[in-house]
């Protein structure tokens, strides 16, 4: 099913909850914030359970979404999941609810900021697992590092500042290497000698489903007509 919007709904629901906490709740309403955030995490988990309707006999990428995003570089807002991604998303939403519930007694300062960052972190992690566009994947991955840095630096253990700085430095190096790899693969999708060897049956075999394969090829056709490469993960 194309443009089912289910993955976007599950991914962005925690971010909506973070915005509601920021806009509608005061810092001294710690009890309300904790209850609301935990319930919101639980709601996201309930919606993610629908992904378990994934058709295992058909396999491949399902719950597809495809929208134009940044045409000048060929990046698109594309989402889809295979069987592994389904399990990772459901596990992430479950752990989010458990993390929120287990933080009730441990987190005794700046509860509002904590739960906002936790909700934003869940959105970023879910986006990583649901992305079918490598540029979108990279963006979600980098954004996830920001709330994680503050969660470690503010609410971590005794050596939290050291741990936060170490986390930042290691991820910075990894992010630069990843970015170089993404760009290299992107430029390879503009190499006619390579792309000319890619056929629809090959894409269908990789995507695992003809509908997903057709979306991948349509993405490539749009990119080639626009004179750009493509960030589609299956094609790359």
C-alpha atoms as a PDB file:
ATOM      1  CA  UNK A   1       0.000   0.000   0.000  1.00  0.00           C
ATOM      2  CA  UNK A   2       1.533   3.315  -1.124  1.00  0.00           C
ATOM      3  CA  UNK A   3       1.166   6.502   0.919  1.00  0.00           C
ATOM      4  CA  UNK A   4      -0.604   4.763   3.803  1.00  0.00           C
ATOM      5  CA  UNK A   5       0.836   7.444   6.138  1.00  0.00           C
ATOM      6  CA  UNK A   6       0.982   4.898   8.962  1.00  0.00           C
ATOM      7  CA  UNK A   7       4.766   5.083   9.294  1.00  0.00           C
ATOM      8  CA  UNK A   8       4.717   8.885   9.307  1.00  0.00           C
ATOM      9  CA  UNK A   9       1.991   8.861  11.941  1.00  0.00           C
ATOM     10  CA  UNK A  10       3.937   6.491  14.200  1.00  0.00           C
ATOM     11  CA  UNK A  11       7.199   8.376  13.624  1.00  0.00           C
ATOM     12  CA  UNK A  12       5.956  11.914  14.207  1.00  0.00           C
ATOM     13  CA  UNK A  13       3.451  11.197  16.996  1.00  0.00           C
ATOM     14  CA  UNK A  14       6.117  11.473  19.752  1.00  0.00           C
ATOM     15  CA  UNK A  15       7.273  14.841  18.339  1.00  0.00           C
ATOM     16  CA  UNK A  16       3.681  16.098  18.510  1.00  0.00           C
ATOM     17  CA  UNK A  17       3.574  15.013  22.150  1.00  0.00           C
ATOM     18  CA  UNK A  18       6.808  16.926  22.825  1.00  0.00           C
ATOM     19  CA  UNK A  19       5.320  20.073  21.276  1.00  0.00           C
ATOM     20  CA  UNK A  20       2.157  19.713  23.388  1.00  0.00           C
ATOM     21  CA  UNK A  21       4.216  19.425  26.565  1.00  0.00           C
ATOM     22  CA  UNK A  22       6.271  22.474  25.623  1.00  0.00           C
ATOM     23  CA  UNK A  23       3.250  24.566  24.702  1.00  0.00           C
ATOM     24  CA  UNK A  24       0.612  23.566  27.236  1.00  0.00           C
ATOM     25  CA  UNK A  25       2.345  22.420  30.417  1.00  0.00           C
ATOM     26  CA  UNK A  26       4.306  24.324  33.034  1.00  0.00           C
ATOM     27  CA  UNK A  27       7.475  23.113  34.677  1.00  0.00           C
ATOM     28  CA  UNK A  28       5.817  22.747  38.081  1.00  0.00           C
ATOM     29  CA  UNK A  29       3.254  20.296  36.657  1.00  0.00           C
ATOM     30  CA  UNK A  30       5.693  17.411  36.915  1.00  0.00           C
ATOM     31  CA  UNK A  31       3.083  14.803  37.781  1.00  0.00           C
ATOM     32  CA  UNK A  32       0.904  15.751  34.814  1.00  0.00           C
ATOM     33  CA  UNK A  33       3.912  15.796  32.485  1.00  0.00           C
ATOM     34  CA  UNK A  34       4.993  12.314  33.565  1.00  0.00           C
ATOM     35  CA  UNK A  35       1.504  10.855  33.158  1.00  0.00           C
ATOM     36  CA  UNK A  36       0.930  12.548  29.802  1.00  0.00           C
ATOM     37  CA  UNK A  37       4.308  11.534  28.371  1.00  0.00           C
ATOM     38  CA  UNK A  38       3.945   7.927  29.513  1.00  0.00           C
ATOM     39  CA  UNK A  39       0.429   7.711  28.068  1.00  0.00           C
ATOM     40  CA  UNK A  40       1.673   9.265  24.807  1.00  0.00           C
ATOM     41  CA  UNK A  41       4.471   6.713  24.547  1.00  0.00           C
ATOM     42  CA  UNK A  42       1.912   3.996  25.203  1.00  0.00           C
ATOM     43  CA  UNK A  43      -0.338   5.375  22.476  1.00  0.00           C
ATOM     44  CA  UNK A  44       2.519   5.288  19.984  1.00  0.00           C
ATOM     45  CA  UNK A  45       3.203   1.674  20.951  1.00  0.00           C
ATOM     46  CA  UNK A  46      -0.438   0.737  20.386  1.00  0.00           C
ATOM     47  CA  UNK A  47      -0.439   2.267  16.909  1.00  0.00           C
ATOM     48  CA  UNK A  48       2.849   0.544  16.052  1.00  0.00           C
ATOM     49  CA  UNK A  49       1.244  -2.823  16.721  1.00  0.00           C
ATOM     50  CA  UNK A  50      -0.669  -2.398  13.455  1.00  0.00           C
ATOM     51  CA  UNK A  51       2.650  -2.943  11.685  1.00  0.00           C
ATOM     52  CA  UNK A  52       2.441  -6.558  12.809  1.00  0.00           C
ATOM     53  CA  UNK A  53      -0.133  -6.992  10.037  1.00  0.00           C
ATOM     54  CA  UNK A  54       2.918  -7.011   7.760  1.00  0.00           C
ATOM     55  CA  UNK A  55       2.340  -9.633   5.068  1.00  0.00           C
ATOM     56  CA  UNK A  56       5.138 -12.112   5.681  1.00  0.00           C
ATOM     57  CA  UNK A  57       4.163 -14.288   2.736  1.00  0.00           C
ATOM     58  CA  UNK A  58       4.566 -11.328   0.351  1.00  0.00           C
ATOM     59  CA  UNK A  59       7.678  -9.982   2.103  1.00  0.00           C
ATOM     60  CA  UNK A  60       9.637  -7.000   0.845  1.00  0.00           C
ATOM     61  CA  UNK A  61       9.079  -3.336   1.637  1.00  0.00           C
ATOM     62  CA  UNK A  62       5.554  -2.526   2.796  1.00  0.00           C
ATOM     63  CA  UNK A  63       3.571   0.425   4.238  1.00  0.00           C
ATOM     64  CA  UNK A  64       5.172   2.576   1.545  1.00  0.00           C
ATOM     65  CA  UNK A  65       5.177   6.373   1.434  1.00  0.00           C
ATOM     66  CA  UNK A  66       6.623   8.519  -1.315  1.00  0.00           C
ATOM     67  CA  UNK A  67       6.511  12.327  -1.526  1.00  0.00           C
ATOM     68  CA  UNK A  68       8.604  14.957  -3.263  1.00  0.00           C
ATOM     69  CA  UNK A  69      10.944  16.672  -0.808  1.00  0.00           C
ATOM     70  CA  UNK A  70      14.143  18.263  -2.155  1.00  0.00           C
ATOM     71  CA  UNK A  71      13.991  17.825  -5.949  1.00  0.00           C
ATOM     72  CA  UNK A  72      17.173  19.798  -6.612  1.00  0.00           C
ATOM     73  CA  UNK A  73      19.248  16.922  -5.191  1.00  0.00           C
ATOM     74  CA  UNK A  74      16.787  14.096  -5.807  1.00  0.00           C
ATOM     75  CA  UNK A  75      15.988  13.536  -2.124  1.00  0.00           C
ATOM     76  CA  UNK A  76      12.462  12.326  -1.428  1.00  0.00           C
ATOM     77  CA  UNK A  77      10.410  11.697   1.691  1.00  0.00           C
ATOM     78  CA  UNK A  78      10.195   7.932   1.327  1.00  0.00           C
ATOM     79  CA  UNK A  79       9.302   5.460   4.033  1.00  0.00           C
ATOM     80  CA  UNK A  80       8.851   1.726   4.071  1.00  0.00           C
ATOM     81  CA  UNK A  81       9.636  -1.268   6.248  1.00  0.00           C
ATOM     82  CA  UNK A  82      10.627  -4.878   5.816  1.00  0.00           C
ATOM     83  CA  UNK A  83      10.127  -7.601   8.389  1.00  0.00           C
ATOM     84  CA  UNK A  84      13.196  -6.631  10.431  1.00  0.00           C
ATOM     85  CA  UNK A  85      12.265  -2.937  10.517  1.00  0.00           C
ATOM     86  CA  UNK A  86       8.761  -3.801  11.714  1.00  0.00           C
ATOM     87  CA  UNK A  87      10.161  -5.599  14.746  1.00  0.00           C
ATOM     88  CA  UNK A  88      12.655  -2.800  15.466  1.00  0.00           C
ATOM     89  CA  UNK A  89       9.931  -0.138  15.341  1.00  0.00           C
ATOM     90  CA  UNK A  90       7.598  -2.072  17.628  1.00  0.00           C
ATOM     91  CA  UNK A  91      10.486  -2.744  20.020  1.00  0.00           C
ATOM     92  CA  UNK A  92      11.435   0.969  19.994  1.00  0.00           C
ATOM     93  CA  UNK A  93       7.925   2.115  20.864  1.00  0.00           C
ATOM     94  CA  UNK A  94       7.708  -0.508  23.618  1.00  0.00           C
ATOM     95  CA  UNK A  95      11.044   0.576  25.091  1.00  0.00           C
ATOM     96  CA  UNK A  96       9.924   4.200  24.898  1.00  0.00           C
ATOM     97  CA  UNK A  97       6.911   3.445  27.079  1.00  0.00           C
ATOM     98  CA  UNK A  98       9.058   1.430  29.502  1.00  0.00           C
ATOM     99  CA  UNK A  99      11.689   4.209  29.677  1.00  0.00           C
ATOM    100  CA  UNK A 100       9.055   6.839  30.427  1.00  0.00           C
ATOM    101  CA  UNK A 101       7.420   4.710  33.110  1.00  0.00           C
ATOM    102  CA  UNK A 102      10.712   3.736  34.766  1.00  0.00           C
ATOM    103  CA  UNK A 103      11.798   7.390  34.917  1.00  0.00           C
ATOM    104  CA  UNK A 104       8.984   8.453  37.253  1.00  0.00           C
ATOM    105  CA  UNK A 105      11.046   7.981  40.419  1.00  0.00           C
ATOM    106  CA  UNK A 106      14.547   8.435  39.027  1.00  0.00           C
ATOM    107  CA  UNK A 107      14.044  11.790  37.282  1.00  0.00           C
ATOM    108  CA  UNK A 108      13.492  14.429  39.954  1.00  0.00           C
ATOM    109  CA  UNK A 109      14.754  17.561  38.195  1.00  0.00           C
ATOM    110  CA  UNK A 110      13.793  19.318  34.965  1.00  0.00           C
ATOM    111  CA  UNK A 111      11.127  16.716  34.217  1.00  0.00           C
ATOM    112  CA  UNK A 112       9.597  18.778  31.433  1.00  0.00           C
ATOM    113  CA  UNK A 113      12.834  18.996  29.462  1.00  0.00           C
ATOM    114  CA  UNK A 114      13.576  15.323  30.073  1.00  0.00           C
ATOM    115  CA  UNK A 115      10.326  14.016  28.635  1.00  0.00           C
ATOM    116  CA  UNK A 116      10.425  16.434  25.717  1.00  0.00           C
ATOM    117  CA  UNK A 117      13.891  15.195  24.775  1.00  0.00           C
ATOM    118  CA  UNK A 118      12.846  11.574  25.262  1.00  0.00           C
ATOM    119  CA  UNK A 119       9.885  12.024  22.916  1.00  0.00           C
ATOM    120  CA  UNK A 120      12.034  13.761  20.308  1.00  0.00           C
ATOM    121  CA  UNK A 121      14.593  10.981  20.563  1.00  0.00           C
ATOM    122  CA  UNK A 122      11.917   8.386  19.855  1.00  0.00           C
ATOM    123  CA  UNK A 123      10.791  10.251  16.735  1.00  0.00           C
ATOM    124  CA  UNK A 124      14.367  10.356  15.445  1.00  0.00           C
ATOM    125  CA  UNK A 125      15.026   6.668  16.120  1.00  0.00           C
ATOM    126  CA  UNK A 126      11.762   5.601  14.504  1.00  0.00           C
ATOM    127  CA  UNK A 127      12.639   7.731  11.486  1.00  0.00           C
ATOM    128  CA  UNK A 128      15.956   5.896  11.178  1.00  0.00           C
ATOM    129  CA  UNK A 129      14.191   2.517  11.015  1.00  0.00           C
ATOM    130  CA  UNK A 130      11.418   3.672   8.650  1.00  0.00           C
ATOM    131  CA  UNK A 131      13.404   5.690   6.082  1.00  0.00           C
ATOM    132  CA  UNK A 132      13.794   4.438   2.528  1.00  0.00           C
ATOM    133  CA  UNK A 133      15.714   7.537   1.443  1.00  0.00           C
ATOM    134  CA  UNK A 134      19.350   7.624   2.588  1.00  0.00           C
ATOM    135  CA  UNK A 135      19.385  11.410   2.945  1.00  0.00           C
ATOM    136  CA  UNK A 136      16.308  11.213   5.168  1.00  0.00           C
ATOM    137  CA  UNK A 137      17.912   8.363   7.100  1.00  0.00           C
ATOM    138  CA  UNK A 138      21.058  10.411   7.665  1.00  0.00           C
ATOM    139  CA  UNK A 139      19.033  13.407   8.837  1.00  0.00           C
ATOM    140  CA  UNK A 140      17.070  11.338  11.343  1.00  0.00           C
ATOM    141  CA  UNK A 141      20.273   9.697  12.567  1.00  0.00           C
ATOM    142  CA  UNK A 142      22.012  13.020  13.149  1.00  0.00           C
ATOM    143  CA  UNK A 143      18.990  14.548  14.861  1.00  0.00           C
ATOM    144  CA  UNK A 144      18.815  11.588  17.249  1.00  0.00           C
ATOM    145  CA  UNK A 145      22.276  12.489  18.565  1.00  0.00           C
ATOM    146  CA  UNK A 146      21.118  15.879  19.868  1.00  0.00           C
ATOM    147  CA  UNK A 147      18.566  14.724  22.480  1.00  0.00           C
ATOM    148  CA  UNK A 148      20.827  11.808  23.365  1.00  0.00           C
ATOM    149  CA  UNK A 149      23.692  14.186  24.114  1.00  0.00           C
ATOM    150  CA  UNK A 150      21.574  16.267  26.482  1.00  0.00           C
ATOM    151  CA  UNK A 151      19.982  13.234  28.122  1.00  0.00           C
ATOM    152  CA  UNK A 152      23.444  11.894  28.925  1.00  0.00           C
ATOM    153  CA  UNK A 153      24.905  15.267  29.919  1.00  0.00           C
ATOM    154  CA  UNK A 154      22.070  16.380  32.212  1.00  0.00           C
ATOM    155  CA  UNK A 155      20.534  13.220  33.663  1.00  0.00           C
ATOM    156  CA  UNK A 156      23.452  10.798  33.410  1.00  0.00           C
ATOM    157  CA  UNK A 157      25.575   9.403  36.232  1.00  0.00           C
ATOM    158  CA  UNK A 158      28.544  10.891  38.057  1.00  0.00           C
ATOM    159  CA  UNK A 159      30.737  11.109  34.937  1.00  0.00           C
ATOM    160  CA  UNK A 160      27.916  12.350  32.717  1.00  0.00           C
ATOM    161  CA  UNK A 161      29.786  15.352  31.295  1.00  0.00           C
ATOM    162  CA  UNK A 162      32.761  13.212  30.338  1.00  0.00           C
ATOM    163  CA  UNK A 163      30.434  10.611  28.845  1.00  0.00           C
ATOM    164  CA  UNK A 164      28.486  13.261  26.895  1.00  0.00           C
ATOM    165  CA  UNK A 165      31.641  14.795  25.414  1.00  0.00           C
ATOM    166  CA  UNK A 166      33.034  11.364  24.552  1.00  0.00           C
ATOM    167  CA  UNK A 167      29.712  10.434  22.951  1.00  0.00           C
ATOM    168  CA  UNK A 168      29.759  13.656  20.900  1.00  0.00           C
ATOM    169  CA  UNK A 169      33.319  13.151  19.655  1.00  0.00           C
ATOM    170  CA  UNK A 170      32.847   9.506  18.666  1.00  0.00           C
ATOM    171  CA  UNK A 171      29.557  10.177  16.874  1.00  0.00           C
ATOM    172  CA  UNK A 172      31.017  13.242  15.151  1.00  0.00           C
ATOM    173  CA  UNK A 173      33.785  11.162  13.603  1.00  0.00           C
ATOM    174  CA  UNK A 174      31.347   8.435  12.628  1.00  0.00           C
ATOM    175  CA  UNK A 175      28.926  10.944  11.136  1.00  0.00           C
ATOM    176  CA  UNK A 176      31.606  12.501   8.927  1.00  0.00           C
ATOM    177  CA  UNK A 177      32.642   9.085   7.606  1.00  0.00           C
ATOM    178  CA  UNK A 178      28.995   8.162   7.023  1.00  0.00           C
ATOM    179  CA  UNK A 179      28.349  11.421   5.175  1.00  0.00           C
ATOM    180  CA  UNK A 180      31.289  10.772   2.847  1.00  0.00           C
ATOM    181  CA  UNK A 181      29.927   7.300   2.144  1.00  0.00           C
ATOM    182  CA  UNK A 182      26.436   8.662   1.452  1.00  0.00           C
ATOM    183  CA  UNK A 183      27.785  11.252  -0.965  1.00  0.00           C
ATOM    184  CA  UNK A 184      29.950   8.667  -2.746  1.00  0.00           C
ATOM    185  CA  UNK A 185      26.983   6.372  -3.259  1.00  0.00           C
ATOM    186  CA  UNK A 186      24.829   9.296  -4.388  1.00  0.00           C
ATOM    187  CA  UNK A 187      27.296  10.264  -7.113  1.00  0.00           C
ATOM    188  CA  UNK A 188      27.559   6.638  -8.216  1.00  0.00           C
ATOM    189  CA  UNK A 189      23.829   6.696  -8.978  1.00  0.00           C
ATOM    190  CA  UNK A 190      24.666   9.307 -11.640  1.00  0.00           C
ATOM    191  CA  UNK A 191      27.179   7.006 -13.338  1.00  0.00           C
ATOM    192  CA  UNK A 192      25.470   5.795 -16.522  1.00  0.00           C
ATOM    193  CA  UNK A 193      27.834   2.829 -16.859  1.00  0.00           C
ATOM    194  CA  UNK A 194      26.567   1.504 -13.527  1.00  0.00           C
ATOM    195  CA  UNK A 195      22.908   2.490 -13.652  1.00  0.00           C
ATOM    196  CA  UNK A 196      22.576   1.053 -17.153  1.00  0.00           C
ATOM    197  CA  UNK A 197      23.101  -2.420 -15.702  1.00  0.00           C
ATOM    198  CA  UNK A 198      20.187  -2.080 -13.270  1.00  0.00           C
ATOM    199  CA  UNK A 199      16.923  -3.615 -14.478  1.00  0.00           C
ATOM    200  CA  UNK A 200      13.383  -3.752 -13.114  1.00  0.00           C
ATOM    201  CA  UNK A 201      13.644  -7.472 -12.190  1.00  0.00           C
ATOM    202  CA  UNK A 202      16.803  -6.725 -10.185  1.00  0.00           C
ATOM    203  CA  UNK A 203      15.038  -3.945  -8.284  1.00  0.00           C
ATOM    204  CA  UNK A 204      11.997  -6.159  -7.688  1.00  0.00           C
ATOM    205  CA  UNK A 205      14.265  -8.856  -6.270  1.00  0.00           C
ATOM    206  CA  UNK A 206      15.920  -6.377  -3.878  1.00  0.00           C
ATOM    207  CA  UNK A 207      12.693  -4.645  -2.872  1.00  0.00           C
ATOM    208  CA  UNK A 208      11.026  -8.023  -2.411  1.00  0.00           C
ATOM    209  CA  UNK A 209       7.730  -6.763  -3.791  1.00  0.00           C
ATOM    210  CA  UNK A 210       6.752  -5.492  -7.225  1.00  0.00           C
ATOM    211  CA  UNK A 211       4.944  -2.437  -5.857  1.00  0.00           C
ATOM    212  CA  UNK A 212       8.016  -1.381  -3.891  1.00  0.00           C
ATOM    213  CA  UNK A 213      10.207  -2.098  -6.913  1.00  0.00           C
ATOM    214  CA  UNK A 214       8.011   0.081  -9.094  1.00  0.00           C
ATOM    215  CA  UNK A 215       8.302   2.926  -6.591  1.00  0.00           C
ATOM    216  CA  UNK A 216      12.091   2.606  -6.641  1.00  0.00           C
ATOM    217  CA  UNK A 217      12.242   2.716 -10.429  1.00  0.00           C
ATOM    218  CA  UNK A 218       9.848   5.656 -10.569  1.00  0.00           C
ATOM    219  CA  UNK A 219      12.125   7.446  -8.131  1.00  0.00           C
ATOM    220  CA  UNK A 220      15.109   6.798 -10.360  1.00  0.00           C
ATOM    221  CA  UNK A 221      13.228   7.933 -13.476  1.00  0.00           C
ATOM    222  CA  UNK A 222      12.247  11.205 -11.806  1.00  0.00           C
ATOM    223  CA  UNK A 223      15.839  11.756 -10.666  1.00  0.00           C
ATOM    224  CA  UNK A 224      17.332  10.986 -14.081  1.00  0.00           C
ATOM    225  CA  UNK A 225      14.914  13.319 -15.837  1.00  0.00           C
ATOM    226  CA  UNK A 226      15.798  16.030 -13.333  1.00  0.00           C
ATOM    227  CA  UNK A 227      19.527  15.498 -13.844  1.00  0.00           C
ATOM    228  CA  UNK A 228      20.166  14.376 -10.288  1.00  0.00           C
ATOM    229  CA  UNK A 229      21.089  11.180  -8.492  1.00  0.00           C
ATOM    230  CA  UNK A 230      18.852   9.326  -6.082  1.00  0.00           C
ATOM    231  CA  UNK A 231      19.131   8.576  -2.365  1.00  0.00           C
ATOM    232  CA  UNK A 232      16.718   5.654  -2.476  1.00  0.00           C
ATOM    233  CA  UNK A 233      18.243   2.983  -0.240  1.00  0.00           C
ATOM    234  CA  UNK A 234      17.094   0.009  -2.319  1.00  0.00           C
ATOM    235  CA  UNK A 235      18.451   1.510  -5.544  1.00  0.00           C
ATOM    236  CA  UNK A 236      21.761   2.429  -3.939  1.00  0.00           C
END
